[in-house]
């Protein structure tokens, strides 16, 4: 981690750009939270489903990978996976290559909810792409 003292003094336009970025990010998150609530899952459950299915090269993830993606503690992710399993969104399977490893897979219900929510997020993602394609962001 870098020093907390910046090499250059931030000026008003830098702070305005940062403020605007945080505002856009918060708007996206609020829309996402609302969509999740309507689907009757939590935003954290949605993120878990997304990271399981979005793991590069495969359709499952292990707890360590999910902890990294969620930026959460291992034991917290274990508890989240347990809640998602109880809700019928994911299932744990013994690792195929390393039998000591636990693979987290989506259930058919989890996949259906994920795909519906991911589709509903597309207009907001396009809005962000358009917003950050404007001059001043490159």
C-alpha atoms as a PDB file:
ATOM      1  CA  UNK A   1       0.000   0.000   0.000  1.00  0.00           C
ATOM      2  CA  UNK A   2       1.268   3.428  -0.897  1.00  0.00           C
ATOM      3  CA  UNK A   3       1.901   6.236   1.517  1.00  0.00           C
ATOM      4  CA  UNK A   4      -1.169   8.210   2.540  1.00  0.00           C
ATOM      5  CA  UNK A   5       0.578  11.393   1.361  1.00  0.00           C
ATOM      6  CA  UNK A   6       0.031  12.012  -2.351  1.00  0.00           C
ATOM      7  CA  UNK A   7       2.984  12.950  -4.553  1.00  0.00           C
ATOM      8  CA  UNK A   8       0.978  15.810  -6.021  1.00  0.00           C
ATOM      9  CA  UNK A   9      -1.480  18.154  -4.403  1.00  0.00           C
ATOM     10  CA  UNK A  10      -5.001  17.352  -5.500  1.00  0.00           C
ATOM     11  CA  UNK A  11      -6.848  20.256  -7.000  1.00  0.00           C
ATOM     12  CA  UNK A  12     -10.547  21.079  -7.119  1.00  0.00           C
ATOM     13  CA  UNK A  13     -11.160  19.282 -10.461  1.00  0.00           C
ATOM     14  CA  UNK A  14      -9.529  16.122  -9.030  1.00  0.00           C
ATOM     15  CA  UNK A  15     -11.883  16.190  -6.056  1.00  0.00           C
ATOM     16  CA  UNK A  16     -14.885  16.896  -8.285  1.00  0.00           C
ATOM     17  CA  UNK A  17     -13.966  13.913 -10.492  1.00  0.00           C
ATOM     18  CA  UNK A  18     -13.568  11.651  -7.450  1.00  0.00           C
ATOM     19  CA  UNK A  19     -16.857  12.886  -5.991  1.00  0.00           C
ATOM     20  CA  UNK A  20     -18.618  12.283  -9.298  1.00  0.00           C
ATOM     21  CA  UNK A  21     -17.130   8.784  -9.572  1.00  0.00           C
ATOM     22  CA  UNK A  22     -18.272   7.880  -6.048  1.00  0.00           C
ATOM     23  CA  UNK A  23     -21.742   9.278  -6.820  1.00  0.00           C
ATOM     24  CA  UNK A  24     -22.017   7.172  -9.989  1.00  0.00           C
ATOM     25  CA  UNK A  25     -20.781   4.096  -8.139  1.00  0.00           C
ATOM     26  CA  UNK A  26     -23.306   4.626  -5.339  1.00  0.00           C
ATOM     27  CA  UNK A  27     -26.134   5.074  -7.861  1.00  0.00           C
ATOM     28  CA  UNK A  28     -25.191   1.765  -9.483  1.00  0.00           C
ATOM     29  CA  UNK A  29     -25.070   0.018  -6.109  1.00  0.00           C
ATOM     30  CA  UNK A  30     -28.444   1.442  -5.060  1.00  0.00           C
ATOM     31  CA  UNK A  31     -30.082   0.195  -8.262  1.00  0.00           C
ATOM     32  CA  UNK A  32     -28.427  -3.195  -7.736  1.00  0.00           C
ATOM     33  CA  UNK A  33     -29.631  -3.354  -4.125  1.00  0.00           C
ATOM     34  CA  UNK A  34     -33.198  -2.585  -5.250  1.00  0.00           C
ATOM     35  CA  UNK A  35     -33.071  -5.277  -7.951  1.00  0.00           C
ATOM     36  CA  UNK A  36     -31.806  -7.830  -5.436  1.00  0.00           C
ATOM     37  CA  UNK A  37     -34.526  -6.967  -2.948  1.00  0.00           C
ATOM     38  CA  UNK A  38     -37.165  -7.434  -5.651  1.00  0.00           C
ATOM     39  CA  UNK A  39     -35.654 -10.877  -6.405  1.00  0.00           C
ATOM     40  CA  UNK A  40     -35.795 -11.689  -2.677  1.00  0.00           C
ATOM     41  CA  UNK A  41     -32.070 -12.163  -2.206  1.00  0.00           C
ATOM     42  CA  UNK A  42     -29.499  -9.931  -0.567  1.00  0.00           C
ATOM     43  CA  UNK A  43     -26.952  -7.954  -2.577  1.00  0.00           C
ATOM     44  CA  UNK A  44     -24.218 -10.087  -1.001  1.00  0.00           C
ATOM     45  CA  UNK A  45     -25.968 -13.272  -2.116  1.00  0.00           C
ATOM     46  CA  UNK A  46     -26.155 -11.842  -5.646  1.00  0.00           C
ATOM     47  CA  UNK A  47     -22.441 -11.030  -5.580  1.00  0.00           C
ATOM     48  CA  UNK A  48     -21.658 -14.563  -4.439  1.00  0.00           C
ATOM     49  CA  UNK A  49     -23.752 -16.053  -7.267  1.00  0.00           C
ATOM     50  CA  UNK A  50     -22.071 -13.741  -9.767  1.00  0.00           C
ATOM     51  CA  UNK A  51     -18.578 -14.660  -8.577  1.00  0.00           C
ATOM     52  CA  UNK A  52     -19.320 -18.396  -8.585  1.00  0.00           C
ATOM     53  CA  UNK A  53     -20.603 -18.305 -12.173  1.00  0.00           C
ATOM     54  CA  UNK A  54     -18.144 -15.626 -13.285  1.00  0.00           C
ATOM     55  CA  UNK A  55     -15.001 -17.480 -12.205  1.00  0.00           C
ATOM     56  CA  UNK A  56     -12.662 -17.439 -15.226  1.00  0.00           C
ATOM     57  CA  UNK A  57     -12.414 -20.773 -16.977  1.00  0.00           C
ATOM     58  CA  UNK A  58     -15.047 -22.637 -14.943  1.00  0.00           C
ATOM     59  CA  UNK A  59     -18.536 -22.481 -13.462  1.00  0.00           C
ATOM     60  CA  UNK A  60     -17.652 -22.987  -9.796  1.00  0.00           C
ATOM     61  CA  UNK A  61     -15.419 -21.411  -7.171  1.00  0.00           C
ATOM     62  CA  UNK A  62     -13.826 -22.418  -3.900  1.00  0.00           C
ATOM     63  CA  UNK A  63     -14.226 -20.547  -0.629  1.00  0.00           C
ATOM     64  CA  UNK A  64     -10.803 -18.897  -0.841  1.00  0.00           C
ATOM     65  CA  UNK A  65     -11.530 -17.526  -4.310  1.00  0.00           C
ATOM     66  CA  UNK A  66     -14.902 -16.238  -3.186  1.00  0.00           C
ATOM     67  CA  UNK A  67     -13.334 -14.588  -0.128  1.00  0.00           C
ATOM     68  CA  UNK A  68     -10.878 -12.810  -2.422  1.00  0.00           C
ATOM     69  CA  UNK A  69     -13.566 -11.688  -4.878  1.00  0.00           C
ATOM     70  CA  UNK A  70     -15.862 -10.501  -2.074  1.00  0.00           C
ATOM     71  CA  UNK A  71     -12.955  -9.006  -0.113  1.00  0.00           C
ATOM     72  CA  UNK A  72     -14.245 -10.832   2.953  1.00  0.00           C
ATOM     73  CA  UNK A  73     -12.893 -13.128   5.651  1.00  0.00           C
ATOM     74  CA  UNK A  74     -12.874 -16.875   4.984  1.00  0.00           C
ATOM     75  CA  UNK A  75     -15.247 -17.668   7.884  1.00  0.00           C
ATOM     76  CA  UNK A  76     -17.699 -14.981   6.721  1.00  0.00           C
ATOM     77  CA  UNK A  77     -17.810 -16.504   3.239  1.00  0.00           C
ATOM     78  CA  UNK A  78     -18.367 -19.973   4.708  1.00  0.00           C
ATOM     79  CA  UNK A  79     -21.387 -18.557   6.571  1.00  0.00           C
ATOM     80  CA  UNK A  80     -22.644 -16.804   3.407  1.00  0.00           C
ATOM     81  CA  UNK A  81     -22.320 -20.019   1.384  1.00  0.00           C
ATOM     82  CA  UNK A  82     -24.244 -21.855   4.114  1.00  0.00           C
ATOM     83  CA  UNK A  83     -27.071 -19.281   3.930  1.00  0.00           C
ATOM     84  CA  UNK A  84     -27.115 -19.503   0.132  1.00  0.00           C
ATOM     85  CA  UNK A  85     -27.156 -23.297   0.345  1.00  0.00           C
ATOM     86  CA  UNK A  86     -30.113 -23.171   2.754  1.00  0.00           C
ATOM     87  CA  UNK A  87     -31.909 -20.845   0.308  1.00  0.00           C
ATOM     88  CA  UNK A  88     -31.361 -23.356  -2.510  1.00  0.00           C
ATOM     89  CA  UNK A  89     -29.044 -21.049  -4.475  1.00  0.00           C
ATOM     90  CA  UNK A  90     -25.776 -23.026  -4.317  1.00  0.00           C
ATOM     91  CA  UNK A  91     -24.485 -26.445  -3.424  1.00  0.00           C
ATOM     92  CA  UNK A  92     -21.154 -27.612  -2.104  1.00  0.00           C
ATOM     93  CA  UNK A  93     -19.375 -30.454  -3.888  1.00  0.00           C
ATOM     94  CA  UNK A  94     -16.190 -32.300  -3.122  1.00  0.00           C
ATOM     95  CA  UNK A  95     -13.350 -31.181  -5.373  1.00  0.00           C
ATOM     96  CA  UNK A  96     -12.835 -33.272  -8.489  1.00  0.00           C
ATOM     97  CA  UNK A  97      -9.077 -32.625  -8.704  1.00  0.00           C
ATOM     98  CA  UNK A  98      -8.367 -32.142  -4.999  1.00  0.00           C
ATOM     99  CA  UNK A  99     -10.853 -34.050  -2.874  1.00  0.00           C
ATOM    100  CA  UNK A 100      -9.929 -31.912   0.161  1.00  0.00           C
ATOM    101  CA  UNK A 101     -11.215 -28.823  -1.631  1.00  0.00           C
ATOM    102  CA  UNK A 102     -14.876 -27.772  -1.585  1.00  0.00           C
ATOM    103  CA  UNK A 103     -16.361 -26.493  -4.834  1.00  0.00           C
ATOM    104  CA  UNK A 104     -19.328 -24.108  -4.699  1.00  0.00           C
ATOM    105  CA  UNK A 105     -21.738 -24.569  -7.621  1.00  0.00           C
ATOM    106  CA  UNK A 106     -24.960 -22.790  -8.509  1.00  0.00           C
ATOM    107  CA  UNK A 107     -28.194 -24.735  -8.360  1.00  0.00           C
ATOM    108  CA  UNK A 108     -30.720 -24.388 -11.186  1.00  0.00           C
ATOM    109  CA  UNK A 109     -32.615 -21.902  -8.990  1.00  0.00           C
ATOM    110  CA  UNK A 110     -29.452 -19.909  -8.266  1.00  0.00           C
ATOM    111  CA  UNK A 111     -28.545 -19.820 -11.958  1.00  0.00           C
ATOM    112  CA  UNK A 112     -32.022 -18.632 -12.923  1.00  0.00           C
ATOM    113  CA  UNK A 113     -31.972 -15.803 -10.363  1.00  0.00           C
ATOM    114  CA  UNK A 114     -28.420 -14.814 -11.319  1.00  0.00           C
ATOM    115  CA  UNK A 115     -29.163 -14.647 -15.038  1.00  0.00           C
ATOM    116  CA  UNK A 116     -32.341 -12.627 -14.470  1.00  0.00           C
ATOM    117  CA  UNK A 117     -30.554 -10.143 -12.203  1.00  0.00           C
ATOM    118  CA  UNK A 118     -27.528  -9.885 -14.495  1.00  0.00           C
ATOM    119  CA  UNK A 119     -29.862  -9.041 -17.375  1.00  0.00           C
ATOM    120  CA  UNK A 120     -31.644  -6.399 -15.279  1.00  0.00           C
ATOM    121  CA  UNK A 121     -28.257  -4.806 -14.465  1.00  0.00           C
ATOM    122  CA  UNK A 122     -27.394  -4.278 -18.152  1.00  0.00           C
ATOM    123  CA  UNK A 123     -29.071  -0.854 -18.617  1.00  0.00           C
ATOM    124  CA  UNK A 124     -27.274   0.511 -15.563  1.00  0.00           C
ATOM    125  CA  UNK A 125     -23.955  -0.927 -16.771  1.00  0.00           C
ATOM    126  CA  UNK A 126     -24.509   0.720 -20.156  1.00  0.00           C
ATOM    127  CA  UNK A 127     -25.244   4.017 -18.403  1.00  0.00           C
ATOM    128  CA  UNK A 128     -21.892   3.737 -16.580  1.00  0.00           C
ATOM    129  CA  UNK A 129     -20.045   2.857 -19.797  1.00  0.00           C
ATOM    130  CA  UNK A 130     -21.541   5.932 -21.458  1.00  0.00           C
ATOM    131  CA  UNK A 131     -20.804   8.124 -18.439  1.00  0.00           C
ATOM    132  CA  UNK A 132     -17.157   7.143 -18.177  1.00  0.00           C
ATOM    133  CA  UNK A 133     -16.564   7.320 -21.940  1.00  0.00           C
ATOM    134  CA  UNK A 134     -17.023  11.111 -21.694  1.00  0.00           C
ATOM    135  CA  UNK A 135     -13.940  13.361 -21.914  1.00  0.00           C
ATOM    136  CA  UNK A 136     -12.033  13.776 -18.684  1.00  0.00           C
ATOM    137  CA  UNK A 137     -12.083  10.096 -17.642  1.00  0.00           C
ATOM    138  CA  UNK A 138      -9.235   8.815 -19.780  1.00  0.00           C
END
